[in-house]
Amino acid sequence: KDKGKQELPEAYMFETGTNQWHKFEAW
């Protein structure tokens, strides 16, 4: 829809054990 900005990272990963989302430049 050409709306907003492209700000998603290369890898958006959920860390189990601590239960947190993290962004990475590579996986």
PDB file of all heavy atoms in Angstrom:
ATOM      1  N   LYS A   1       0.802  -1.229   0.000  1.00  0.00           N
ATOM      2  CA  LYS A   1       0.000   0.000   0.000  1.00  0.00           C
ATOM      3  C   LYS A   1       0.831   1.273   0.000  1.00  0.00           C
ATOM      4  O   LYS A   1       0.267   2.373   0.058  1.00  0.00           O
ATOM      5  CB  LYS A   1      -0.936  -0.004   1.212  1.00  0.00           C
ATOM      6  CG  LYS A   1      -1.966  -1.134   1.185  1.00  0.00           C
ATOM      7  CD  LYS A   1      -2.966  -0.995   2.331  1.00  0.00           C
ATOM      8  CE  LYS A   1      -4.046  -2.059   2.243  1.00  0.00           C
ATOM      9  NZ  LYS A   1      -5.054  -1.907   3.329  1.00  0.00           N
ATOM     10  N   ASP A   2       2.161   1.137  -0.027  1.00  0.00           N
ATOM     11  CA  ASP A   2       3.055   2.307  -0.003  1.00  0.00           C
ATOM     12  C   ASP A   2       2.781   3.193   1.200  1.00  0.00           C
ATOM     13  O   ASP A   2       2.864   4.425   1.118  1.00  0.00           O
ATOM     14  CB  ASP A   2       2.924   3.121  -1.302  1.00  0.00           C
ATOM     15  CG  ASP A   2       3.400   2.345  -2.509  1.00  0.00           C
ATOM     16  OD1 ASP A   2       4.384   1.594  -2.371  1.00  0.00           O
ATOM     17  OD2 ASP A   2       2.790   2.475  -3.583  1.00  0.00           O
ATOM     18  N   LYS A   3       2.484   2.571   2.324  1.00  0.00           N
ATOM     19  CA  LYS A   3       2.220   3.313   3.554  1.00  0.00           C
ATOM     20  C   LYS A   3       3.341   3.068   4.560  1.00  0.00           C
ATOM     21  O   LYS A   3       3.823   1.941   4.697  1.00  0.00           O
ATOM     22  CB  LYS A   3       0.890   2.878   4.167  1.00  0.00           C
ATOM     23  CG  LYS A   3      -0.336   3.255   3.337  1.00  0.00           C
ATOM     24  CD  LYS A   3      -1.596   2.620   3.917  1.00  0.00           C
ATOM     25  CE  LYS A   3      -1.848   3.044   5.341  1.00  0.00           C
ATOM     26  NZ  LYS A   3      -3.139   2.479   5.860  1.00  0.00           N
ATOM     27  N   GLY A   4       3.722   4.135   5.274  1.00  0.00           N
ATOM     28  CA  GLY A   4       4.706   3.991   6.333  1.00  0.00           C
ATOM     29  C   GLY A   4       6.126   3.838   5.809  1.00  0.00           C
ATOM     30  O   GLY A   4       6.418   4.089   4.632  1.00  0.00           O
ATOM     31  N   LYS A   5       7.020   3.422   6.708  1.00  0.00           N
ATOM     32  CA  LYS A   5       8.427   3.246   6.381  1.00  0.00           C
ATOM     33  C   LYS A   5       8.821   1.773   6.521  1.00  0.00           C
ATOM     34  O   LYS A   5       8.198   1.035   7.270  1.00  0.00           O
ATOM     35  CB  LYS A   5       9.300   4.098   7.300  1.00  0.00           C
ATOM     36  CG  LYS A   5       9.053   5.598   7.205  1.00  0.00           C
ATOM     37  CD  LYS A   5       9.953   6.340   8.177  1.00  0.00           C
ATOM     38  CE  LYS A   5       9.726   7.849   8.096  1.00  0.00           C
ATOM     39  NZ  LYS A   5      10.601   8.583   9.066  1.00  0.00           N
ATOM     40  N   GLN A   6       9.875   1.404   5.820  1.00  0.00           N
ATOM     41  CA  GLN A   6      10.409   0.055   5.949  1.00  0.00           C
ATOM     42  C   GLN A   6      11.454   0.080   7.066  1.00  0.00           C
ATOM     43  O   GLN A   6      12.598   0.478   6.862  1.00  0.00           O
ATOM     44  CB  GLN A   6      11.036  -0.419   4.647  1.00  0.00           C
ATOM     45  CG  GLN A   6      11.267  -1.920   4.508  1.00  0.00           C
ATOM     46  CD  GLN A   6      11.729  -2.641   5.743  1.00  0.00           C
ATOM     47  OE1 GLN A   6      10.888  -3.118   6.517  1.00  0.00           O
ATOM     48  NE2 GLN A   6      13.031  -2.699   5.945  1.00  0.00           N
ATOM     49  N   GLU A   7      11.046  -0.328   8.248  1.00  0.00           N
ATOM     50  CA  GLU A   7      11.943  -0.294   9.401  1.00  0.00           C
ATOM     51  C   GLU A   7      12.144  -1.682  10.017  1.00  0.00           C
ATOM     52  O   GLU A   7      12.702  -1.810  11.102  1.00  0.00           O
ATOM     53  CB  GLU A   7      11.405   0.661  10.466  1.00  0.00           C
ATOM     54  CG  GLU A   7      11.311   2.096   9.974  1.00  0.00           C
ATOM     55  CD  GLU A   7      10.710   3.037  11.001  1.00  0.00           C
ATOM     56  OE1 GLU A   7       9.870   2.577  11.813  1.00  0.00           O
ATOM     57  OE2 GLU A   7      11.083   4.224  10.996  1.00  0.00           O
ATOM     58  N   LEU A   8      11.683  -2.716   9.329  1.00  0.00           N
ATOM     59  CA  LEU A   8      11.861  -4.071   9.859  1.00  0.00           C
ATOM     60  C   LEU A   8      13.314  -4.504   9.713  1.00  0.00           C
ATOM     61  O   LEU A   8      13.959  -4.206   8.714  1.00  0.00           O
ATOM     62  CB  LEU A   8      10.943  -5.053   9.126  1.00  0.00           C
ATOM     63  CG  LEU A   8       9.448  -4.862   9.362  1.00  0.00           C
ATOM     64  CD1 LEU A   8       8.649  -5.777   8.440  1.00  0.00           C
ATOM     65  CD2 LEU A   8       9.085  -5.149  10.821  1.00  0.00           C
ATOM     66  N   PRO A   9      13.833  -5.234  10.696  1.00  0.00           N
ATOM     67  CA  PRO A   9      15.228  -5.681  10.638  1.00  0.00           C
ATOM     68  C   PRO A   9      15.392  -6.906   9.757  1.00  0.00           C
ATOM     69  O   PRO A   9      14.410  -7.512   9.314  1.00  0.00           O
ATOM     70  CB  PRO A   9      15.526  -6.019  12.100  1.00  0.00           C
ATOM     71  CG  PRO A   9      14.201  -6.521  12.616  1.00  0.00           C
ATOM     72  CD  PRO A   9      13.159  -5.664  11.937  1.00  0.00           C
ATOM     73  N   GLU A  10      16.621  -7.307   9.542  1.00  0.00           N
ATOM     74  CA  GLU A  10      16.903  -8.525   8.793  1.00  0.00           C
ATOM     75  C   GLU A  10      16.306  -9.749   9.474  1.00  0.00           C
ATOM     76  O   GLU A  10      15.774 -10.647   8.821  1.00  0.00           O
ATOM     77  CB  GLU A  10      18.414  -8.707   8.634  1.00  0.00           C
ATOM     78  CG  GLU A  10      18.834  -9.967   7.915  1.00  0.00           C
ATOM     79  CD  GLU A  10      18.521  -9.949   6.427  1.00  0.00           C
ATOM     80  OE1 GLU A  10      18.210  -8.856   5.892  1.00  0.00           O
ATOM     81  OE2 GLU A  10      18.596 -11.016   5.790  1.00  0.00           O
ATOM     82  N   ALA A  11      16.384  -9.771  10.795  1.00  0.00           N
ATOM     83  CA  ALA A  11      15.839 -10.896  11.561  1.00  0.00           C
ATOM     84  C   ALA A  11      15.139 -10.355  12.810  1.00  0.00           C
ATOM     85  O   ALA A  11      15.760  -9.639  13.601  1.00  0.00           O
ATOM     86  CB  ALA A  11      16.933 -11.879  11.944  1.00  0.00           C
ATOM     87  N   TYR A  12      13.867 -10.696  12.950  1.00  0.00           N
ATOM     88  CA  TYR A  12      13.071 -10.304  14.126  1.00  0.00           C
ATOM     89  C   TYR A  12      12.789 -11.619  14.863  1.00  0.00           C
ATOM     90  O   TYR A  12      11.968 -12.426  14.433  1.00  0.00           O
ATOM     91  CB  TYR A  12      11.775  -9.647  13.686  1.00  0.00           C
ATOM     92  CG  TYR A  12      11.300  -8.520  14.581  1.00  0.00           C
ATOM     93  CD1 TYR A  12      10.699  -7.382  14.029  1.00  0.00           C
ATOM     94  CD2 TYR A  12      11.431  -8.583  15.963  1.00  0.00           C
ATOM     95  CE1 TYR A  12      10.258  -6.334  14.824  1.00  0.00           C
ATOM     96  CE2 TYR A  12      10.989  -7.545  16.767  1.00  0.00           C
ATOM     97  CZ  TYR A  12      10.412  -6.417  16.187  1.00  0.00           C
ATOM     98  OH  TYR A  12       9.972  -5.387  16.991  1.00  0.00           O
ATOM     99  N   MET A  13      13.476 -11.831  15.984  1.00  0.00           N
ATOM    100  CA  MET A  13      13.497 -13.155  16.596  1.00  0.00           C
ATOM    101  C   MET A  13      13.042 -13.094  18.057  1.00  0.00           C
ATOM    102  O   MET A  13      13.450 -12.205  18.810  1.00  0.00           O
ATOM    103  CB  MET A  13      14.911 -13.738  16.529  1.00  0.00           C
ATOM    104  CG  MET A  13      15.595 -13.582  15.185  1.00  0.00           C
ATOM    105  SD  MET A  13      14.783 -14.470  13.841  1.00  0.00           S
ATOM    106  CE  MET A  13      15.542 -16.085  14.030  1.00  0.00           C
ATOM    107  N   PHE A  14      12.238 -14.086  18.439  1.00  0.00           N
ATOM    108  CA  PHE A  14      11.785 -14.192  19.824  1.00  0.00           C
ATOM    109  C   PHE A  14      12.750 -15.091  20.582  1.00  0.00           C
ATOM    110  O   PHE A  14      13.045 -16.211  20.166  1.00  0.00           O
ATOM    111  CB  PHE A  14      10.373 -14.775  19.891  1.00  0.00           C
ATOM    112  CG  PHE A  14       9.770 -14.727  21.271  1.00  0.00           C
ATOM    113  CD1 PHE A  14       9.117 -13.589  21.706  1.00  0.00           C
ATOM    114  CD2 PHE A  14       9.865 -15.819  22.131  1.00  0.00           C
ATOM    115  CE1 PHE A  14       8.547 -13.531  22.980  1.00  0.00           C
ATOM    116  CE2 PHE A  14       9.308 -15.774  23.401  1.00  0.00           C
ATOM    117  CZ  PHE A  14       8.651 -14.627  23.832  1.00  0.00           C
ATOM    118  N   GLU A  15      13.251 -14.559  21.691  1.00  0.00           N
ATOM    119  CA  GLU A  15      14.182 -15.293  22.544  1.00  0.00           C
ATOM    120  C   GLU A  15      13.397 -16.005  23.640  1.00  0.00           C
ATOM    121  O   GLU A  15      12.786 -15.365  24.500  1.00  0.00           O
ATOM    122  CB  GLU A  15      15.192 -14.327  23.162  1.00  0.00           C
ATOM    123  CG  GLU A  15      16.168 -14.958  24.121  1.00  0.00           C
ATOM    124  CD  GLU A  15      17.042 -13.925  24.803  1.00  0.00           C
ATOM    125  OE1 GLU A  15      16.839 -12.712  24.572  1.00  0.00           O
ATOM    126  OE2 GLU A  15      17.937 -14.326  25.571  1.00  0.00           O
ATOM    127  N   THR A  16      13.373 -17.343  23.595  1.00  0.00           N
ATOM    128  CA  THR A  16      12.728 -18.098  24.652  1.00  0.00           C
ATOM    129  C   THR A  16      13.670 -18.161  25.857  1.00  0.00           C
ATOM    130  O   THR A  16      14.865 -17.976  25.746  1.00  0.00           O
ATOM    131  CB  THR A  16      12.361 -19.509  24.179  1.00  0.00           C
ATOM    132  OG1 THR A  16      13.537 -20.161  23.661  1.00  0.00           O
ATOM    133  CG2 THR A  16      11.307 -19.451  23.076  1.00  0.00           C
ATOM    134  N   GLY A  17      13.095 -18.432  27.003  1.00  0.00           N
ATOM    135  CA  GLY A  17      13.869 -18.399  28.240  1.00  0.00           C
ATOM    136  C   GLY A  17      13.748 -17.071  28.931  1.00  0.00           C
ATOM    137  O   GLY A  17      13.404 -16.991  30.114  1.00  0.00           O
ATOM    138  N   THR A  18      13.998 -15.973  28.188  1.00  0.00           N
ATOM    139  CA  THR A  18      13.765 -14.626  28.718  1.00  0.00           C
ATOM    140  C   THR A  18      12.459 -14.039  28.195  1.00  0.00           C
ATOM    141  O   THR A  18      11.963 -13.052  28.723  1.00  0.00           O
ATOM    142  CB  THR A  18      14.914 -13.675  28.338  1.00  0.00           C
ATOM    143  OG1 THR A  18      15.020 -13.623  26.909  1.00  0.00           O
ATOM    144  CG2 THR A  18      16.229 -14.149  28.930  1.00  0.00           C
ATOM    145  N   ASN A  19      11.936 -14.648  27.105  1.00  0.00           N
ATOM    146  CA  ASN A  19      10.663 -14.224  26.513  1.00  0.00           C
ATOM    147  C   ASN A  19      10.691 -12.765  26.066  1.00  0.00           C
ATOM    148  O   ASN A  19       9.892 -11.933  26.495  1.00  0.00           O
ATOM    149  CB  ASN A  19       9.511 -14.469  27.494  1.00  0.00           C
ATOM    150  CG  ASN A  19       9.293 -15.933  27.773  1.00  0.00           C
ATOM    151  OD1 ASN A  19       9.679 -16.792  26.975  1.00  0.00           O
ATOM    152  ND2 ASN A  19       8.696 -16.249  28.912  1.00  0.00           N
ATOM    153  N   GLN A  20      11.619 -12.477  25.141  1.00  0.00           N
ATOM    154  CA  GLN A  20      11.754 -11.125  24.600  1.00  0.00           C
ATOM    155  C   GLN A  20      11.965 -11.189  23.091  1.00  0.00           C
ATOM    156  O   GLN A  20      12.566 -12.125  22.569  1.00  0.00           O
ATOM    157  CB  GLN A  20      12.974 -10.423  25.216  1.00  0.00           C
ATOM    158  CG  GLN A  20      12.965 -10.296  26.723  1.00  0.00           C
ATOM    159  CD  GLN A  20      14.233  -9.634  27.228  1.00  0.00           C
ATOM    160  OE1 GLN A  20      14.521  -8.477  26.926  1.00  0.00           O
ATOM    161  NE2 GLN A  20      15.013 -10.382  27.988  1.00  0.00           N
ATOM    162  N   TRP A  21      11.460 -10.156  22.400  1.00  0.00           N
ATOM    163  CA  TRP A  21      11.739  -9.990  20.980  1.00  0.00           C
ATOM    164  C   TRP A  21      13.054  -9.253  20.798  1.00  0.00           C
ATOM    165  O   TRP A  21      13.372  -8.336  21.558  1.00  0.00           O
ATOM    166  CB  TRP A  21      10.624  -9.201  20.298  1.00  0.00           C
ATOM    167  CG  TRP A  21       9.356  -9.954  20.092  1.00  0.00           C
ATOM    168  CD1 TRP A  21       8.233  -9.906  20.863  1.00  0.00           C
ATOM    169  CD2 TRP A  21       9.070 -10.870  19.024  1.00  0.00           C
ATOM    170  NE1 TRP A  21       7.260 -10.732  20.356  1.00  0.00           N
ATOM    171  CE2 TRP A  21       7.738 -11.333  19.229  1.00  0.00           C
ATOM    172  CE3 TRP A  21       9.780 -11.341  17.925  1.00  0.00           C
ATOM    173  CZ2 TRP A  21       7.134 -12.246  18.363  1.00  0.00           C
ATOM    174  CZ3 TRP A  21       9.188 -12.241  17.067  1.00  0.00           C
ATOM    175  CH2 TRP A  21       7.866 -12.686  17.290  1.00  0.00           C
ATOM    176  N   HIS A  22      13.814  -9.623  19.762  1.00  0.00           N
ATOM    177  CA  HIS A  22      15.074  -8.953  19.455  1.00  0.00           C
ATOM    178  C   HIS A  22      15.201  -8.757  17.953  1.00  0.00           C
ATOM    179  O   HIS A  22      14.684  -9.552  17.162  1.00  0.00           O
ATOM    180  CB  HIS A  22      16.270  -9.766  19.948  1.00  0.00           C
ATOM    181  CG  HIS A  22      16.326  -9.918  21.429  1.00  0.00           C
ATOM    182  ND1 HIS A  22      16.898  -8.988  22.265  1.00  0.00           N
ATOM    183  CD2 HIS A  22      15.872 -10.903  22.238  1.00  0.00           C
ATOM    184  CE1 HIS A  22      16.795  -9.386  23.520  1.00  0.00           C
ATOM    185  NE2 HIS A  22      16.178 -10.549  23.528  1.00  0.00           N
ATOM    186  N   LYS A  23      15.917  -7.686  17.595  1.00  0.00           N
ATOM    187  CA  LYS A  23      16.193  -7.391  16.193  1.00  0.00           C
ATOM    188  C   LYS A  23      17.677  -7.637  15.906  1.00  0.00           C
ATOM    189  O   LYS A  23      18.531  -7.253  16.701  1.00  0.00           O
ATOM    190  CB  LYS A  23      15.849  -5.931  15.889  1.00  0.00           C
ATOM    191  CG  LYS A  23      14.392  -5.564  16.146  1.00  0.00           C
ATOM    192  CD  LYS A  23      14.164  -4.074  15.924  1.00  0.00           C
ATOM    193  CE  LYS A  23      12.731  -3.675  16.227  1.00  0.00           C
ATOM    194  NZ  LYS A  23      12.503  -2.215  16.042  1.00  0.00           N
ATOM    195  N   PHE A  24      17.953  -8.272  14.754  1.00  0.00           N
ATOM    196  CA  PHE A  24      19.335  -8.556  14.381  1.00  0.00           C
ATOM    197  C   PHE A  24      19.591  -8.132  12.942  1.00  0.00           C
ATOM    198  O   PHE A  24      18.688  -8.162  12.101  1.00  0.00           O
ATOM    199  CB  PHE A  24      19.642 -10.046  14.530  1.00  0.00           C
ATOM    200  CG  PHE A  24      19.615 -10.540  15.949  1.00  0.00           C
ATOM    201  CD1 PHE A  24      18.514 -11.228  16.431  1.00  0.00           C
ATOM    202  CD2 PHE A  24      20.689 -10.300  16.803  1.00  0.00           C
ATOM    203  CE1 PHE A  24      18.483 -11.689  17.740  1.00  0.00           C
ATOM    204  CE2 PHE A  24      20.670 -10.757  18.105  1.00  0.00           C
ATOM    205  CZ  PHE A  24      19.567 -11.453  18.579  1.00  0.00           C
ATOM    206  N   GLU A  25      20.831  -7.795  12.667  1.00  0.00           N
ATOM    207  CA  GLU A  25      21.238  -7.425  11.308  1.00  0.00           C
ATOM    208  C   GLU A  25      21.538  -8.643  10.450  1.00  0.00           C
ATOM    209  O   GLU A  25      21.707  -8.521   9.235  1.00  0.00           O
ATOM    210  CB  GLU A  25      22.475  -6.522  11.364  1.00  0.00           C
ATOM    211  CG  GLU A  25      22.226  -5.198  12.064  1.00  0.00           C
ATOM    212  CD  GLU A  25      23.480  -4.356  12.162  1.00  0.00           C
ATOM    213  OE1 GLU A  25      24.552  -4.864  11.741  1.00  0.00           O
ATOM    214  OE2 GLU A  25      23.395  -3.224  12.642  1.00  0.00           O
ATOM    215  N   ALA A  26      21.626  -9.805  11.082  1.00  0.00           N
ATOM    216  CA  ALA A  26      21.889 -11.047  10.349  1.00  0.00           C
ATOM    217  C   ALA A  26      21.427 -12.204  11.217  1.00  0.00           C
ATOM    218  O   ALA A  26      21.333 -12.086  12.448  1.00  0.00           O
ATOM    219  CB  ALA A  26      23.373 -11.187  10.030  1.00  0.00           C
ATOM    220  N   TRP A  27      21.124 -13.335  10.573  1.00  0.00           N
ATOM    221  CA  TRP A  27      20.848 -14.560  11.315  1.00  0.00           C
ATOM    222  C   TRP A  27      21.641 -15.707  10.706  1.00  0.00           C
ATOM    223  O   TRP A  27      21.556 -15.908   9.495  1.00  0.00           O
ATOM    224  CB  TRP A  27      19.357 -14.916  11.324  1.00  0.00           C
ATOM    225  CG  TRP A  27      19.132 -16.098  12.225  1.00  0.00           C
ATOM    226  CD1 TRP A  27      19.002 -17.406  11.852  1.00  0.00           C
ATOM    227  CD2 TRP A  27      19.092 -16.065  13.650  1.00  0.00           C
ATOM    228  NE1 TRP A  27      18.877 -18.199  12.955  1.00  0.00           N
ATOM    229  CE2 TRP A  27      18.935 -17.408  14.084  1.00  0.00           C
ATOM    230  CE3 TRP A  27      19.180 -15.062  14.610  1.00  0.00           C
ATOM    231  CZ2 TRP A  27      18.863 -17.752  15.430  1.00  0.00           C
ATOM    232  CZ3 TRP A  27      19.096 -15.402  15.945  1.00  0.00           C
ATOM    233  CH2 TRP A  27      18.931 -16.730  16.343  1.00  0.00           C
TER     234      TRP A  27
END
